[in-house]
C-alpha cells in the first residue's frame, strides 16, 4: 500500500477517535472538563483536542492528493477510499456539532443529502462509462466546510470578540456552495439521468 492510501486510512482512523473524545460522558466518570476562556467565550479541552485532530486529518487530505499526483501514485483504491475518508470526517464532525447545538442541523442534513445524490449521480454515470471528475465548486465546498468545522470547534474564536458568528456564516456558505455543486453535477449528467424517463 502506498503512502497516499495510508494517509487516507489514517484520516478514517482519526474519525472514531475524534467522535469519542467529543461525546465521551466525562461527568459520568467524575472527570472535570477543563474550560478555557478566550475572547469572552468558553472552549472546552475536548473541543480543542478535536480541533487539533481535525486539523491534522484535514492536512492529510491535502497531503495524500499532493503526493499521489507528484509521484504518480494514483490508484483505483485511492480514488475509492479518499472521498469516503473525506465524507466520514466532515459529515461526522458536522453531525457532532449539530447535535451539540453549535450549528443548524437542517444545513447539515441538506449537505449530507447533497452528498448522497451526487454519489448516486456518479454511480449512474459510471455504469455508462462516464467518469465525473471532481469540480472546482466541490473543492471549494470542502475547503469552506473544513474552515467552518475548525471555527465551530473553537466556539467562533478568533472571531468571537467581533460578535459576528463567522462559524455559522461559514456553514451557510458551505451549504449554498454544496447545493450549487450538486446542481452542477446533475447538469453534467442530465442526459444519462433523463434517458430512461
Foldseek 3Di string as FASTA:
>chain_A
DDDLLVLLVVLQVLLVVLLCLLPPPCVVVVHDWDWDADLNDIATPSLVVSLVSLVSSVVSLVVSVVCCVVVVVDDPVSVVRSVVSLCSRLLSLLVSCCVVVLEPPVLSVLLVVLVVLLVVLQVLCVVVVDHDDDDPLNVVLSVLSSVLSSCSSVVNPPCVNVVDNVSHVSSVVSSVSSVVSSVVSCVVSVCSVPVVD
